[in-house]
């Protein structure tokens, strides 16, 4: 499934170099980080959803980091 493909989760390609992938990871992390959203005053449901997204984003980046190293 798409959820399991770390490249799809991060919106990048397996052909991208690690620096490019890391930039996408950092951008997504800033967009979906629960603390950032809390400071913006978004509803709790949105924060809970962002926590799930962050877990997927972090997991995807960890998987790619292992594959690329």
PDB file of N, CA and C in Angstrom:
ATOM      1  N   UNK A   1       0.840  -1.191   0.000  1.00  0.00           N
ATOM      2  CA  UNK A   1       0.000   0.000   0.000  1.00  0.00           C
ATOM      3  C   UNK A   1       0.882   1.251   0.000  1.00  0.00           C
ATOM      4  N   UNK A   2       0.329   2.367  -0.450  1.00  0.00           N
ATOM      5  CA  UNK A   2       1.075   3.621  -0.519  1.00  0.00           C
ATOM      6  C   UNK A   2       1.586   4.051   0.850  1.00  0.00           C
ATOM      7  N   UNK A   3       0.821   3.757   1.897  1.00  0.00           N
ATOM      8  CA  UNK A   3       1.213   4.185   3.240  1.00  0.00           C
ATOM      9  C   UNK A   3       2.532   3.542   3.662  1.00  0.00           C
ATOM     10  N   UNK A   4       2.805   2.355   3.133  1.00  0.00           N
ATOM     11  CA  UNK A   4       4.009   1.648   3.533  1.00  0.00           C
ATOM     12  C   UNK A   4       5.228   2.078   2.725  1.00  0.00           C
ATOM     13  N   UNK A   5       5.015   2.750   1.590  1.00  0.00           N
ATOM     14  CA  UNK A   5       6.138   3.181   0.771  1.00  0.00           C
ATOM     15  C   UNK A   5       6.675   4.501   1.330  1.00  0.00           C
ATOM     16  N   UNK A   6       7.873   4.464   1.910  1.00  0.00           N
ATOM     17  CA  UNK A   6       8.382   5.674   2.558  1.00  0.00           C
ATOM     18  C   UNK A   6       8.585   6.840   1.593  1.00  0.00           C
ATOM     19  N   UNK A   7       8.880   6.535   0.341  1.00  0.00           N
ATOM     20  CA  UNK A   7       9.085   7.611  -0.638  1.00  0.00           C
ATOM     21  C   UNK A   7       7.776   8.336  -0.932  1.00  0.00           C
ATOM     22  N   UNK A   8       6.684   7.597  -0.992  1.00  0.00           N
ATOM     23  CA  UNK A   8       5.376   8.213  -1.233  1.00  0.00           C
ATOM     24  C   UNK A   8       4.957   9.045  -0.020  1.00  0.00           C
ATOM     25  N   UNK A   9       5.213   8.519   1.173  1.00  0.00           N
ATOM     26  CA  UNK A   9       4.874   9.259   2.400  1.00  0.00           C
ATOM     27  C   UNK A   9       5.559  10.628   2.407  1.00  0.00           C
ATOM     28  N   UNK A  10       6.817  10.657   1.971  1.00  0.00           N
ATOM     29  CA  UNK A  10       7.578  11.911   1.986  1.00  0.00           C
ATOM     30  C   UNK A  10       7.432  12.712   0.695  1.00  0.00           C
ATOM     31  N   UNK A  11       6.744  12.136  -0.289  1.00  0.00           N
ATOM     32  CA  UNK A  11       6.543  12.855  -1.545  1.00  0.00           C
ATOM     33  C   UNK A  11       7.817  13.005  -2.351  1.00  0.00           C
ATOM     34  N   UNK A  12       8.641  11.969  -2.327  1.00  0.00           N
ATOM     35  CA  UNK A  12       9.882  12.027  -3.097  1.00  0.00           C
ATOM     36  C   UNK A  12      10.071  10.713  -3.853  1.00  0.00           C
ATOM     37  N   UNK A  13      11.195  10.592  -4.528  1.00  0.00           N
ATOM     38  CA  UNK A  13      11.479   9.431  -5.363  1.00  0.00           C
ATOM     39  C   UNK A  13      12.698   8.695  -4.823  1.00  0.00           C
ATOM     40  N   UNK A  14      12.764   7.407  -5.085  1.00  0.00           N
ATOM     41  CA  UNK A  14      13.936   6.631  -4.671  1.00  0.00           C
ATOM     42  C   UNK A  14      15.183   7.088  -5.424  1.00  0.00           C
ATOM     43  N   UNK A  15      15.000   7.838  -6.509  1.00  0.00           N
ATOM     44  CA  UNK A  15      16.135   8.377  -7.269  1.00  0.00           C
ATOM     45  C   UNK A  15      16.681   9.668  -6.671  1.00  0.00           C
ATOM     46  N   UNK A  16      15.908  10.297  -5.763  1.00  0.00           N
ATOM     47  CA  UNK A  16      16.366  11.543  -5.143  1.00  0.00           C
ATOM     48  C   UNK A  16      17.570  11.268  -4.246  1.00  0.00           C
ATOM     49  N   UNK A  17      18.491  12.225  -4.186  1.00  0.00           N
ATOM     50  CA  UNK A  17      19.618  12.043  -3.273  1.00  0.00           C
ATOM     51  C   UNK A  17      19.154  12.304  -1.836  1.00  0.00           C
ATOM     52  N   UNK A  18      19.985  11.873  -0.886  1.00  0.00           N
ATOM     53  CA  UNK A  18      19.575  11.927   0.515  1.00  0.00           C
ATOM     54  C   UNK A  18      19.328  13.360   0.977  1.00  0.00           C
ATOM     55  N   UNK A  19      20.112  14.316   0.483  1.00  0.00           N
ATOM     56  CA  UNK A  19      19.932  15.722   0.879  1.00  0.00           C
ATOM     57  C   UNK A  19      18.548  16.229   0.472  1.00  0.00           C
ATOM     58  N   UNK A  20      18.104  15.858  -0.715  1.00  0.00           N
ATOM     59  CA  UNK A  20      16.779  16.256  -1.206  1.00  0.00           C
ATOM     60  C   UNK A  20      15.686  15.630  -0.350  1.00  0.00           C
ATOM     61  N   UNK A  21      15.843  14.360  -0.049  1.00  0.00           N
ATOM     62  CA  UNK A  21      14.866  13.643   0.776  1.00  0.00           C
ATOM     63  C   UNK A  21      14.804  14.271   2.171  1.00  0.00           C
ATOM     64  N   UNK A  22      15.968  14.604   2.715  1.00  0.00           N
ATOM     65  CA  UNK A  22      16.027  15.203   4.050  1.00  0.00           C
ATOM     66  C   UNK A  22      15.310  16.557   4.066  1.00  0.00           C
ATOM     67  N   UNK A  23      15.480  17.350   3.006  1.00  0.00           N
ATOM     68  CA  UNK A  23      14.787  18.646   2.913  1.00  0.00           C
ATOM     69  C   UNK A  23      13.277  18.455   2.928  1.00  0.00           C
ATOM     70  N   UNK A  24      12.795  17.457   2.182  1.00  0.00           N
ATOM     71  CA  UNK A  24      11.349  17.197   2.141  1.00  0.00           C
ATOM     72  C   UNK A  24      10.863  16.745   3.516  1.00  0.00           C
ATOM     73  N   UNK A  25      11.655  15.896   4.161  1.00  0.00           N
ATOM     74  CA  UNK A  25      11.315  15.424   5.508  1.00  0.00           C
ATOM     75  C   UNK A  25      11.210  16.603   6.484  1.00  0.00           C
ATOM     76  N   UNK A  26      12.188  17.493   6.453  1.00  0.00           N
ATOM     77  CA  UNK A  26      12.184  18.639   7.372  1.00  0.00           C
ATOM     78  C   UNK A  26      10.999  19.560   7.102  1.00  0.00           C
ATOM     79  N   UNK A  27      10.678  19.766   5.827  1.00  0.00           N
ATOM     80  CA  UNK A  27       9.542  20.617   5.455  1.00  0.00           C
ATOM     81  C   UNK A  27       8.234  20.009   5.980  1.00  0.00           C
ATOM     82  N   UNK A  28       8.051  18.702   5.759  1.00  0.00           N
ATOM     83  CA  UNK A  28       6.839  18.028   6.241  1.00  0.00           C
ATOM     84  C   UNK A  28       6.770  18.044   7.767  1.00  0.00           C
ATOM     85  N   UNK A  29       7.915  17.859   8.413  1.00  0.00           N
ATOM     86  CA  UNK A  29       7.956  17.866   9.880  1.00  0.00           C
ATOM     87  C   UNK A  29       7.483  19.200  10.434  1.00  0.00           C
ATOM     88  N   UNK A  30       7.916  20.287   9.803  1.00  0.00           N
ATOM     89  CA  UNK A  30       7.491  21.618  10.258  1.00  0.00           C
ATOM     90  C   UNK A  30       5.999  21.822  10.030  1.00  0.00           C
ATOM     91  N   UNK A  31       5.500  21.338   8.893  1.00  0.00           N
ATOM     92  CA  UNK A  31       4.079  21.528   8.561  1.00  0.00           C
ATOM     93  C   UNK A  31       3.155  20.744   9.491  1.00  0.00           C
ATOM     94  N   UNK A  32       3.587  19.559   9.901  1.00  0.00           N
ATOM     95  CA  UNK A  32       2.694  18.655  10.632  1.00  0.00           C
ATOM     96  C   UNK A  32       3.030  18.494  12.111  1.00  0.00           C
ATOM     97  N   UNK A  33       4.047  19.196  12.596  1.00  0.00           N
ATOM     98  CA  UNK A  33       4.453  18.999  13.991  1.00  0.00           C
ATOM     99  C   UNK A  33       3.343  19.463  14.935  1.00  0.00           C
ATOM    100  N   UNK A  34       2.908  18.581  15.850  1.00  0.00           N
ATOM    101  CA  UNK A  34       1.807  18.919  16.770  1.00  0.00           C
ATOM    102  C   UNK A  34       2.053  20.192  17.581  1.00  0.00           C
ATOM    103  N   UNK A  35       3.285  20.424  18.027  1.00  0.00           N
ATOM    104  CA  UNK A  35       3.577  21.630  18.825  1.00  0.00           C
ATOM    105  C   UNK A  35       3.342  22.899  18.016  1.00  0.00           C
ATOM    106  N   UNK A  36       3.748  22.869  16.751  1.00  0.00           N
ATOM    107  CA  UNK A  36       3.554  24.030  15.873  1.00  0.00           C
ATOM    108  C   UNK A  36       2.060  24.293  15.703  1.00  0.00           C
ATOM    109  N   UNK A  37       1.300  23.215  15.478  1.00  0.00           N
ATOM    110  CA  UNK A  37      -0.143  23.360  15.282  1.00  0.00           C
ATOM    111  C   UNK A  37      -0.830  23.842  16.560  1.00  0.00           C
ATOM    112  N   UNK A  38      -0.381  23.337  17.720  1.00  0.00           N
ATOM    113  CA  UNK A  38      -0.957  23.778  18.992  1.00  0.00           C
ATOM    114  C   UNK A  38      -0.772  25.280  19.170  1.00  0.00           C
ATOM    115  N   UNK A  39       0.422  25.760  18.825  1.00  0.00           N
ATOM    116  CA  UNK A  39       0.713  27.195  18.947  1.00  0.00           C
ATOM    117  C   UNK A  39      -0.156  28.031  18.020  1.00  0.00           C
ATOM    118  N   UNK A  40      -0.626  27.420  16.938  1.00  0.00           N
ATOM    119  CA  UNK A  40      -1.511  28.130  16.004  1.00  0.00           C
ATOM    120  C   UNK A  40      -2.965  28.066  16.462  1.00  0.00           C
ATOM    121  N   UNK A  41      -3.227  27.280  17.509  1.00  0.00           N
ATOM    122  CA  UNK A  41      -4.571  27.194  18.062  1.00  0.00           C
ATOM    123  C   UNK A  41      -5.534  26.332  17.262  1.00  0.00           C
ATOM    124  N   UNK A  42      -5.005  25.325  16.571  1.00  0.00           N
ATOM    125  CA  UNK A  42      -5.893  24.450  15.799  1.00  0.00           C
ATOM    126  C   UNK A  42      -6.625  23.480  16.729  1.00  0.00           C
ATOM    127  N   UNK A  43      -7.767  22.939  16.290  1.00  0.00           N
ATOM    128  CA  UNK A  43      -8.549  22.019  17.131  1.00  0.00           C
ATOM    129  C   UNK A  43      -7.776  20.743  17.491  1.00  0.00           C
ATOM    130  N   UNK A  44      -8.146  20.158  18.632  1.00  0.00           N
ATOM    131  CA  UNK A  44      -7.484  18.951  19.136  1.00  0.00           C
ATOM    132  C   UNK A  44      -7.538  17.799  18.127  1.00  0.00           C
ATOM    133  N   UNK A  45      -8.643  17.675  17.377  1.00  0.00           N
ATOM    134  CA  UNK A  45      -8.755  16.579  16.396  1.00  0.00           C
ATOM    135  C   UNK A  45      -7.657  16.707  15.341  1.00  0.00           C
ATOM    136  N   UNK A  46      -7.390  17.940  14.943  1.00  0.00           N
ATOM    137  CA  UNK A  46      -6.354  18.183  13.937  1.00  0.00           C
ATOM    138  C   UNK A  46      -4.982  17.819  14.509  1.00  0.00           C
ATOM    139  N   UNK A  47      -4.771  18.136  15.768  1.00  0.00           N
ATOM    140  CA  UNK A  47      -3.500  17.817  16.422  1.00  0.00           C
ATOM    141  C   UNK A  47      -3.318  16.305  16.514  1.00  0.00           C
ATOM    142  N   UNK A  48      -4.379  15.584  16.857  1.00  0.00           N
ATOM    143  CA  UNK A  48      -4.294  14.118  16.922  1.00  0.00           C
ATOM    144  C   UNK A  48      -3.943  13.540  15.549  1.00  0.00           C
ATOM    145  N   UNK A  49      -4.555  14.074  14.505  1.00  0.00           N
ATOM    146  CA  UNK A  49      -4.270  13.623  13.137  1.00  0.00           C
ATOM    147  C   UNK A  49      -2.815  13.942  12.774  1.00  0.00           C
ATOM    148  N   UNK A  50      -2.345  15.094  13.207  1.00  0.00           N
ATOM    149  CA  UNK A  50      -0.962  15.478  12.900  1.00  0.00           C
ATOM    150  C   UNK A  50       0.034  14.555  13.602  1.00  0.00           C
ATOM    151  N   UNK A  51      -0.327  14.064  14.778  1.00  0.00           N
ATOM    152  CA  UNK A  51       0.552  13.119  15.486  1.00  0.00           C
ATOM    153  C   UNK A  51       0.703  11.832  14.679  1.00  0.00           C
ATOM    154  N   UNK A  52      -0.408  11.364  14.091  1.00  0.00           N
ATOM    155  CA  UNK A  52      -0.356  10.162  13.243  1.00  0.00           C
ATOM    156  C   UNK A  52       0.515  10.416  12.016  1.00  0.00           C
ATOM    157  N   UNK A  53       0.327  11.585  11.413  1.00  0.00           N
ATOM    158  CA  UNK A  53       1.121  11.932  10.228  1.00  0.00           C
ATOM    159  C   UNK A  53       2.598  12.011  10.582  1.00  0.00           C
ATOM    160  N   UNK A  54       2.915  12.602  11.724  1.00  0.00           N
ATOM    161  CA  UNK A  54       4.317  12.717  12.137  1.00  0.00           C
ATOM    162  C   UNK A  54       4.940  11.343  12.360  1.00  0.00           C
ATOM    163  N   UNK A  55       4.172  10.415  12.933  1.00  0.00           N
ATOM    164  CA  UNK A  55       4.695   9.055  13.116  1.00  0.00           C
ATOM    165  C   UNK A  55       5.024   8.440  11.761  1.00  0.00           C
ATOM    166  N   UNK A  56       4.130   8.622  10.786  1.00  0.00           N
ATOM    167  CA  UNK A  56       4.355   8.080   9.442  1.00  0.00           C
ATOM    168  C   UNK A  56       5.554   8.757   8.774  1.00  0.00           C
ATOM    169  N   UNK A  57       5.652  10.071   8.928  1.00  0.00           N
ATOM    170  CA  UNK A  57       6.759  10.833   8.333  1.00  0.00           C
ATOM    171  C   UNK A  57       8.093  10.394   8.942  1.00  0.00           C
ATOM    172  N   UNK A  58       8.140  10.293  10.274  1.00  0.00           N
ATOM    173  CA  UNK A  58       9.375   9.876  10.952  1.00  0.00           C
ATOM    174  C   UNK A  58       9.766   8.455  10.579  1.00  0.00           C
ATOM    175  N   UNK A  59       8.783   7.570  10.527  1.00  0.00           N
ATOM    176  CA  UNK A  59       9.035   6.182  10.165  1.00  0.00           C
ATOM    177  C   UNK A  59       9.567   6.084   8.736  1.00  0.00           C
ATOM    178  N   UNK A  60       8.957   6.828   7.829  1.00  0.00           N
ATOM    179  CA  UNK A  60       9.385   6.819   6.427  1.00  0.00           C
ATOM    180  C   UNK A  60      10.823   7.309   6.309  1.00  0.00           C
ATOM    181  N   UNK A  61      11.135   8.398   7.009  1.00  0.00           N
ATOM    182  CA  UNK A  61      12.494   8.942   6.930  1.00  0.00           C
ATOM    183  C   UNK A  61      13.498   7.949   7.507  1.00  0.00           C
ATOM    184  N   UNK A  62      13.156   7.308   8.620  1.00  0.00           N
ATOM    185  CA  UNK A  62      14.047   6.299   9.221  1.00  0.00           C
ATOM    186  C   UNK A  62      14.310   5.156   8.245  1.00  0.00           C
ATOM    187  N   UNK A  63      13.250   4.698   7.576  1.00  0.00           N
ATOM    188  CA  UNK A  63      13.398   3.601   6.609  1.00  0.00           C
ATOM    189  C   UNK A  63      14.331   4.001   5.471  1.00  0.00           C
ATOM    190  N   UNK A  64      14.122   5.194   4.932  1.00  0.00           N
ATOM    191  CA  UNK A  64      14.951   5.661   3.816  1.00  0.00           C
ATOM    192  C   UNK A  64      16.394   5.850   4.269  1.00  0.00           C
ATOM    193  N   UNK A  65      16.567   6.398   5.461  1.00  0.00           N
ATOM    194  CA  UNK A  65      17.916   6.617   5.996  1.00  0.00           C
ATOM    195  C   UNK A  65      18.671   5.289   6.076  1.00  0.00           C
ATOM    196  N   UNK A  66      17.983   4.234   6.522  1.00  0.00           N
ATOM    197  CA  UNK A  66      18.611   2.909   6.610  1.00  0.00           C
ATOM    198  C   UNK A  66      18.944   2.370   5.222  1.00  0.00           C
ATOM    199  N   UNK A  67      18.030   2.573   4.260  1.00  0.00           N
ATOM    200  CA  UNK A  67      18.256   2.068   2.899  1.00  0.00           C
ATOM    201  C   UNK A  67      19.396   2.807   2.208  1.00  0.00           C
ATOM    202  N   UNK A  68      19.510   4.108   2.467  1.00  0.00           N
ATOM    203  CA  UNK A  68      20.493   4.938   1.763  1.00  0.00           C
ATOM    204  C   UNK A  68      21.885   4.861   2.394  1.00  0.00           C
ATOM    205  N   UNK A  69      21.956   4.388   3.648  1.00  0.00           N
ATOM    206  CA  UNK A  69      23.269   4.387   4.312  1.00  0.00           C
ATOM    207  C   UNK A  69      24.023   3.085   4.080  1.00  0.00           C
TER     208      UNK A  69
END
